Amino acid sequence: MRRTVLKKLPLIAVLVFLAAWIVFLRPAALGGPATYVVVSGSSMEPALMPGDLVVARERSSYSPGDVAVFTIPEGQPGGGSDAKIVHRLTGGDDDRGFTTRGDNLDKADPWTPAEPDIAGSLWLHLPGGGDVLVWLLQPLVLGVLAGGLTTFMILMGGRSVSTKKGSTTKDGPVPAHQAMV
């Protein structure tokens, strides 16, 4: 019994990780609650540095002090793009919109995102994680990883299957002295 559980432990770990990813970290593009942003400027230094990965999660409401990920509203300077901004909410509310500012900036931003413009607030910050993610998503790296995984699966597929004493396989009965227990 214990041996069976130990053999299934890697599968259980993968399933738990996958379930946690689906519930907490699935990207908004896939219907999930998380938005991923790689920090590209210095406006939030020293808290957030260029190359950091920010994971923001949707909330029912936002308030001044939150670090939020948002798009610039249509009709406001720079609006209309899908670019994500990571700045602190400094005033306002969900209905009227928020004033925002980067921690490393002296002036407030010229836009006022409202609740529909906000993708979420900072939930997880991985220093340097954005650089790693960008590197992993390069076509050459993805190809090498896919090739390595395929090779691993092919090599693992050649392993002999263990059987119990006296059991049979497609080639017939397995003699007791050859059976693996």
C-alpha atoms as a PDB file:
ATOM      1  CA  MET A   1       0.000   0.000   0.000  1.00  0.00           C
ATOM      2  CA  ARG A   2       2.723   2.456   0.997  1.00  0.00           C
ATOM      3  CA  ARG A   3       4.725   1.625  -2.126  1.00  0.00           C
ATOM      4  CA  THR A   4       1.707   2.334  -4.337  1.00  0.00           C
ATOM      5  CA  VAL A   5       1.192   5.758  -2.738  1.00  0.00           C
ATOM      6  CA  LEU A   6       4.894   6.606  -3.117  1.00  0.00           C
ATOM      7  CA  LYS A   7       4.800   5.654  -6.800  1.00  0.00           C
ATOM      8  CA  LYS A   8       1.798   7.919  -7.359  1.00  0.00           C
ATOM      9  CA  LEU A   9       3.242  10.846  -5.385  1.00  0.00           C
ATOM     10  CA  PRO A  10       4.757  12.617  -8.442  1.00  0.00           C
ATOM     11  CA  LEU A  11       1.423  12.362 -10.280  1.00  0.00           C
ATOM     12  CA  ILE A  12      -0.436  13.679  -7.233  1.00  0.00           C
ATOM     13  CA  ALA A  13       2.021  16.591  -6.937  1.00  0.00           C
ATOM     14  CA  VAL A  14       1.537  17.491 -10.609  1.00  0.00           C
ATOM     15  CA  LEU A  15      -2.254  17.348 -10.250  1.00  0.00           C
ATOM     16  CA  VAL A  16      -2.183  19.570  -7.128  1.00  0.00           C
ATOM     17  CA  PHE A  17       0.090  22.074  -8.912  1.00  0.00           C
ATOM     18  CA  LEU A  18      -2.172  22.065 -11.982  1.00  0.00           C
ATOM     19  CA  ALA A  19      -5.294  22.591  -9.858  1.00  0.00           C
ATOM     20  CA  ALA A  20      -3.638  25.486  -7.998  1.00  0.00           C
ATOM     21  CA  TRP A  21      -2.572  27.038 -11.305  1.00  0.00           C
ATOM     22  CA  ILE A  22      -6.101  26.743 -12.709  1.00  0.00           C
ATOM     23  CA  VAL A  23      -7.676  28.329  -9.626  1.00  0.00           C
ATOM     24  CA  PHE A  24      -5.101  31.021  -8.742  1.00  0.00           C
ATOM     25  CA  LEU A  25      -2.734  31.659 -11.650  1.00  0.00           C
ATOM     26  CA  ARG A  26      -4.588  30.973 -14.908  1.00  0.00           C
ATOM     27  CA  PRO A  27      -4.139  34.035 -17.144  1.00  0.00           C
ATOM     28  CA  ALA A  28      -7.091  36.327 -17.798  1.00  0.00           C
ATOM     29  CA  ALA A  29      -6.717  35.506 -21.518  1.00  0.00           C
ATOM     30  CA  LEU A  30      -7.756  31.934 -20.605  1.00  0.00           C
ATOM     31  CA  GLY A  31     -10.638  33.063 -18.402  1.00  0.00           C
ATOM     32  CA  GLY A  32      -8.584  33.088 -15.214  1.00  0.00           C
ATOM     33  CA  PRO A  33      -8.132  35.654 -12.467  1.00  0.00           C
ATOM     34  CA  ALA A  34      -4.462  36.544 -13.117  1.00  0.00           C
ATOM     35  CA  THR A  35      -2.758  39.109 -15.329  1.00  0.00           C
ATOM     36  CA  TYR A  36       0.989  38.780 -15.967  1.00  0.00           C
ATOM     37  CA  VAL A  37       3.118  41.853 -16.616  1.00  0.00           C
ATOM     38  CA  VAL A  38       6.857  42.151 -17.151  1.00  0.00           C
ATOM     39  CA  VAL A  39       8.009  45.467 -15.684  1.00  0.00           C
ATOM     40  CA  SER A  40       9.761  47.499 -18.382  1.00  0.00           C
ATOM     41  CA  GLY A  41      10.321  50.938 -16.871  1.00  0.00           C
ATOM     42  CA  SER A  42      11.743  52.565 -13.775  1.00  0.00           C
ATOM     43  CA  SER A  43       8.581  54.364 -12.600  1.00  0.00           C
ATOM     44  CA  MET A  44       7.970  51.923  -9.721  1.00  0.00           C
ATOM     45  CA  GLU A  45      11.559  51.620  -8.475  1.00  0.00           C
ATOM     46  CA  PRO A  46      12.782  50.540  -5.992  1.00  0.00           C
ATOM     47  CA  ALA A  47       9.772  48.278  -5.283  1.00  0.00           C
ATOM     48  CA  LEU A  48       9.534  46.985  -8.862  1.00  0.00           C
ATOM     49  CA  MET A  49      12.574  46.886 -11.144  1.00  0.00           C
ATOM     50  CA  PRO A  50      12.771  46.410 -14.927  1.00  0.00           C
ATOM     51  CA  GLY A  51      12.596  42.678 -15.701  1.00  0.00           C
ATOM     52  CA  ASP A  52      10.492  41.800 -12.648  1.00  0.00           C
ATOM     53  CA  LEU A  53       7.338  39.734 -13.122  1.00  0.00           C
ATOM     54  CA  VAL A  54       4.120  41.046 -11.593  1.00  0.00           C
ATOM     55  CA  VAL A  55       1.095  38.808 -11.203  1.00  0.00           C
ATOM     56  CA  ALA A  56      -2.068  40.794 -10.540  1.00  0.00           C
ATOM     57  CA  ARG A  57      -5.391  39.306  -9.486  1.00  0.00           C
ATOM     58  CA  GLU A  58      -8.875  40.695  -9.948  1.00  0.00           C
ATOM     59  CA  ARG A  59     -10.617  42.040  -6.868  1.00  0.00           C
ATOM     60  CA  SER A  60     -14.165  43.146  -6.216  1.00  0.00           C
ATOM     61  CA  SER A  61     -12.980  46.680  -5.405  1.00  0.00           C
ATOM     62  CA  TYR A  62      -9.795  48.737  -5.320  1.00  0.00           C
ATOM     63  CA  SER A  63      -8.647  51.540  -3.068  1.00  0.00           C
ATOM     64  CA  PRO A  64      -5.880  54.143  -2.892  1.00  0.00           C
ATOM     65  CA  GLY A  65      -2.577  52.553  -1.918  1.00  0.00           C
ATOM     66  CA  ASP A  66      -3.087  49.449  -4.076  1.00  0.00           C
ATOM     67  CA  VAL A  67      -0.513  48.734  -6.769  1.00  0.00           C
ATOM     68  CA  ALA A  68      -2.728  48.088  -9.776  1.00  0.00           C
ATOM     69  CA  VAL A  69      -2.318  46.812 -13.319  1.00  0.00           C
ATOM     70  CA  PHE A  70      -4.518  48.730 -15.738  1.00  0.00           C
ATOM     71  CA  THR A  71      -4.934  49.911 -19.291  1.00  0.00           C
ATOM     72  CA  ILE A  72      -5.166  53.611 -20.088  1.00  0.00           C
ATOM     73  CA  PRO A  73      -8.835  54.508 -20.668  1.00  0.00           C
ATOM     74  CA  GLU A  74     -10.029  55.413 -24.184  1.00  0.00           C
ATOM     75  CA  GLY A  75     -10.003  59.136 -24.841  1.00  0.00           C
ATOM     76  CA  GLN A  76      -7.224  59.855 -22.339  1.00  0.00           C
ATOM     77  CA  PRO A  77      -3.574  60.590 -23.277  1.00  0.00           C
ATOM     78  CA  GLY A  78      -2.040  57.337 -24.574  1.00  0.00           C
ATOM     79  CA  GLY A  79      -5.360  55.498 -24.326  1.00  0.00           C
ATOM     80  CA  GLY A  80      -6.661  52.914 -26.732  1.00  0.00           C
ATOM     81  CA  SER A  81      -3.754  50.471 -26.555  1.00  0.00           C
ATOM     82  CA  ASP A  82      -3.664  47.159 -24.766  1.00  0.00           C
ATOM     83  CA  ALA A  83      -0.463  48.130 -22.924  1.00  0.00           C
ATOM     84  CA  LYS A  84      -0.604  47.336 -19.212  1.00  0.00           C
ATOM     85  CA  ILE A  85       0.564  49.957 -16.713  1.00  0.00           C
ATOM     86  CA  VAL A  86       1.701  49.049 -13.191  1.00  0.00           C
ATOM     87  CA  HIS A  87       1.282  52.072 -10.897  1.00  0.00           C
ATOM     88  CA  ARG A  88      -0.040  52.857  -7.450  1.00  0.00           C
ATOM     89  CA  LEU A  89      -3.602  54.128  -6.996  1.00  0.00           C
ATOM     90  CA  THR A  90      -3.224  57.416  -5.120  1.00  0.00           C
ATOM     91  CA  GLY A  91      -6.804  58.683  -4.884  1.00  0.00           C
ATOM     92  CA  GLY A  92     -10.323  58.345  -6.247  1.00  0.00           C
ATOM     93  CA  ASP A  93     -12.656  55.365  -6.232  1.00  0.00           C
ATOM     94  CA  ASP A  94     -14.154  52.600  -8.408  1.00  0.00           C
ATOM     95  CA  ASP A  95     -16.948  54.812  -9.752  1.00  0.00           C
ATOM     96  CA  ARG A  96     -15.215  58.121 -10.563  1.00  0.00           C
ATOM     97  CA  GLY A  97     -11.867  56.597 -11.455  1.00  0.00           C
ATOM     98  CA  PHE A  98      -8.521  56.638  -9.707  1.00  0.00           C
ATOM     99  CA  THR A  99      -5.556  58.960  -9.801  1.00  0.00           C
ATOM    100  CA  THR A 100      -2.355  57.015 -10.282  1.00  0.00           C
ATOM    101  CA  ARG A 101       1.359  57.582  -9.965  1.00  0.00           C
ATOM    102  CA  GLY A 102       4.530  55.547 -10.171  1.00  0.00           C
ATOM    103  CA  ASP A 103       6.401  55.379  -6.850  1.00  0.00           C
ATOM    104  CA  ASN A 104       9.508  56.822  -8.531  1.00  0.00           C
ATOM    105  CA  LEU A 105       7.672  59.761 -10.157  1.00  0.00           C
ATOM    106  CA  ASP A 106       7.024  63.251  -8.806  1.00  0.00           C
ATOM    107  CA  LYS A 107       3.729  63.932 -10.607  1.00  0.00           C
ATOM    108  CA  ALA A 108       0.440  62.077 -10.909  1.00  0.00           C
ATOM    109  CA  ASP A 109      -0.348  60.332 -14.195  1.00  0.00           C
ATOM    110  CA  PRO A 110      -2.574  62.168 -16.729  1.00  0.00           C
ATOM    111  CA  TRP A 111      -5.196  59.399 -16.762  1.00  0.00           C
ATOM    112  CA  THR A 112      -7.893  58.169 -14.360  1.00  0.00           C
ATOM    113  CA  PRO A 113      -8.622  54.470 -14.814  1.00  0.00           C
ATOM    114  CA  ALA A 114     -11.947  53.232 -13.461  1.00  0.00           C
ATOM    115  CA  GLU A 115     -12.798  49.713 -12.296  1.00  0.00           C
ATOM    116  CA  PRO A 116     -13.355  48.314 -15.860  1.00  0.00           C
ATOM    117  CA  ASP A 117      -9.849  49.482 -16.861  1.00  0.00           C
ATOM    118  CA  ILE A 118      -8.149  47.718 -13.935  1.00  0.00           C
ATOM    119  CA  ALA A 119      -6.983  44.152 -14.579  1.00  0.00           C
ATOM    120  CA  GLY A 120      -6.101  43.536 -10.935  1.00  0.00           C
ATOM    121  CA  SER A 121      -3.903  44.510  -8.039  1.00  0.00           C
ATOM    122  CA  LEU A 122      -0.442  43.219  -7.223  1.00  0.00           C
ATOM    123  CA  TRP A 123      -0.705  39.693  -5.859  1.00  0.00           C
ATOM    124  CA  LEU A 124       2.731  38.238  -6.536  1.00  0.00           C
ATOM    125  CA  HIS A 125       6.053  39.872  -7.368  1.00  0.00           C
ATOM    126  CA  LEU A 126       8.956  37.795  -8.734  1.00  0.00           C
ATOM    127  CA  PRO A 127      12.175  39.832  -8.979  1.00  0.00           C
ATOM    128  CA  GLY A 128      13.827  39.038 -12.330  1.00  0.00           C
ATOM    129  CA  GLY A 129      11.008  36.615 -13.162  1.00  0.00           C
ATOM    130  CA  GLY A 130       9.992  38.566 -16.242  1.00  0.00           C
ATOM    131  CA  ASP A 131      13.465  38.242 -17.751  1.00  0.00           C
ATOM    132  CA  VAL A 132      13.342  34.478 -17.194  1.00  0.00           C
ATOM    133  CA  LEU A 133       9.851  34.241 -18.707  1.00  0.00           C
ATOM    134  CA  VAL A 134      10.848  36.270 -21.780  1.00  0.00           C
ATOM    135  CA  TRP A 135      13.909  34.028 -22.240  1.00  0.00           C
ATOM    136  CA  LEU A 136      11.828  30.824 -21.863  1.00  0.00           C
ATOM    137  CA  LEU A 137       9.344  32.024 -24.483  1.00  0.00           C
ATOM    138  CA  GLN A 138      11.976  32.476 -27.209  1.00  0.00           C
ATOM    139  CA  PRO A 139      11.344  30.082 -30.114  1.00  0.00           C
ATOM    140  CA  LEU A 140      14.779  28.417 -29.880  1.00  0.00           C
ATOM    141  CA  VAL A 141      14.432  27.780 -26.137  1.00  0.00           C
ATOM    142  CA  LEU A 142      10.872  26.468 -26.547  1.00  0.00           C
ATOM    143  CA  GLY A 143      12.069  24.168 -29.340  1.00  0.00           C
ATOM    144  CA  VAL A 144      14.924  22.799 -27.229  1.00  0.00           C
ATOM    145  CA  LEU A 145      12.606  22.248 -24.261  1.00  0.00           C
ATOM    146  CA  ALA A 146       9.990  20.517 -26.439  1.00  0.00           C
ATOM    147  CA  GLY A 147      12.668  18.345 -28.052  1.00  0.00           C
ATOM    148  CA  GLY A 148      14.138  17.425 -24.678  1.00  0.00           C
ATOM    149  CA  LEU A 149      10.724  16.545 -23.273  1.00  0.00           C
ATOM    150  CA  THR A 150       9.900  14.455 -26.345  1.00  0.00           C
ATOM    151  CA  THR A 151      13.227  12.619 -26.110  1.00  0.00           C
ATOM    152  CA  PHE A 152      12.658  11.976 -22.400  1.00  0.00           C
ATOM    153  CA  MET A 153       9.185  10.590 -23.067  1.00  0.00           C
ATOM    154  CA  ILE A 154      10.472   8.317 -25.841  1.00  0.00           C
ATOM    155  CA  LEU A 155      13.275   7.003 -23.651  1.00  0.00           C
ATOM    156  CA  MET A 156      10.922   6.450 -20.710  1.00  0.00           C
ATOM    157  CA  GLY A 157       8.504   4.644 -23.003  1.00  0.00           C
ATOM    158  CA  GLY A 158      11.150   1.957 -23.544  1.00  0.00           C
ATOM    159  CA  ARG A 159      11.182   0.931 -19.877  1.00  0.00           C
ATOM    160  CA  SER A 160      10.016  -2.522 -19.013  1.00  0.00           C
ATOM    161  CA  VAL A 161       6.665  -2.751 -17.317  1.00  0.00           C
ATOM    162  CA  SER A 162       6.736  -4.484 -13.954  1.00  0.00           C
ATOM    163  CA  THR A 163       4.297  -7.314 -13.439  1.00  0.00           C
ATOM    164  CA  LYS A 164       3.384  -9.486 -10.485  1.00  0.00           C
ATOM    165  CA  LYS A 165       4.337 -13.155 -10.225  1.00  0.00           C
ATOM    166  CA  GLY A 166       2.191 -15.399 -12.322  1.00  0.00           C
ATOM    167  CA  SER A 167       0.609 -12.550 -14.287  1.00  0.00           C
ATOM    168  CA  THR A 168       0.353 -12.459 -18.026  1.00  0.00           C
ATOM    169  CA  THR A 169       1.351  -9.962 -20.676  1.00  0.00           C
ATOM    170  CA  LYS A 170       0.447  -9.741 -24.349  1.00  0.00           C
ATOM    171  CA  ASP A 171       3.299 -12.209 -24.982  1.00  0.00           C
ATOM    172  CA  GLY A 172       1.871 -14.774 -22.589  1.00  0.00           C
ATOM    173  CA  PRO A 173       2.510 -15.792 -18.960  1.00  0.00           C
ATOM    174  CA  VAL A 174       5.460 -14.304 -17.129  1.00  0.00           C
ATOM    175  CA  PRO A 175       7.582 -16.942 -15.365  1.00  0.00           C
ATOM    176  CA  ALA A 176       7.838 -16.335 -11.604  1.00  0.00           C
ATOM    177  CA  HIS A 177      11.638 -15.977 -11.765  1.00  0.00           C
ATOM    178  CA  GLN A 178      11.301 -13.088 -14.306  1.00  0.00           C
ATOM    179  CA  ALA A 179       8.397 -11.260 -12.719  1.00  0.00           C
ATOM    180  CA  MET A 180       9.123  -8.027 -10.916  1.00  0.00           C
ATOM    181  CA  VAL A 181       7.359  -7.490  -7.623  1.00  0.00           C
END
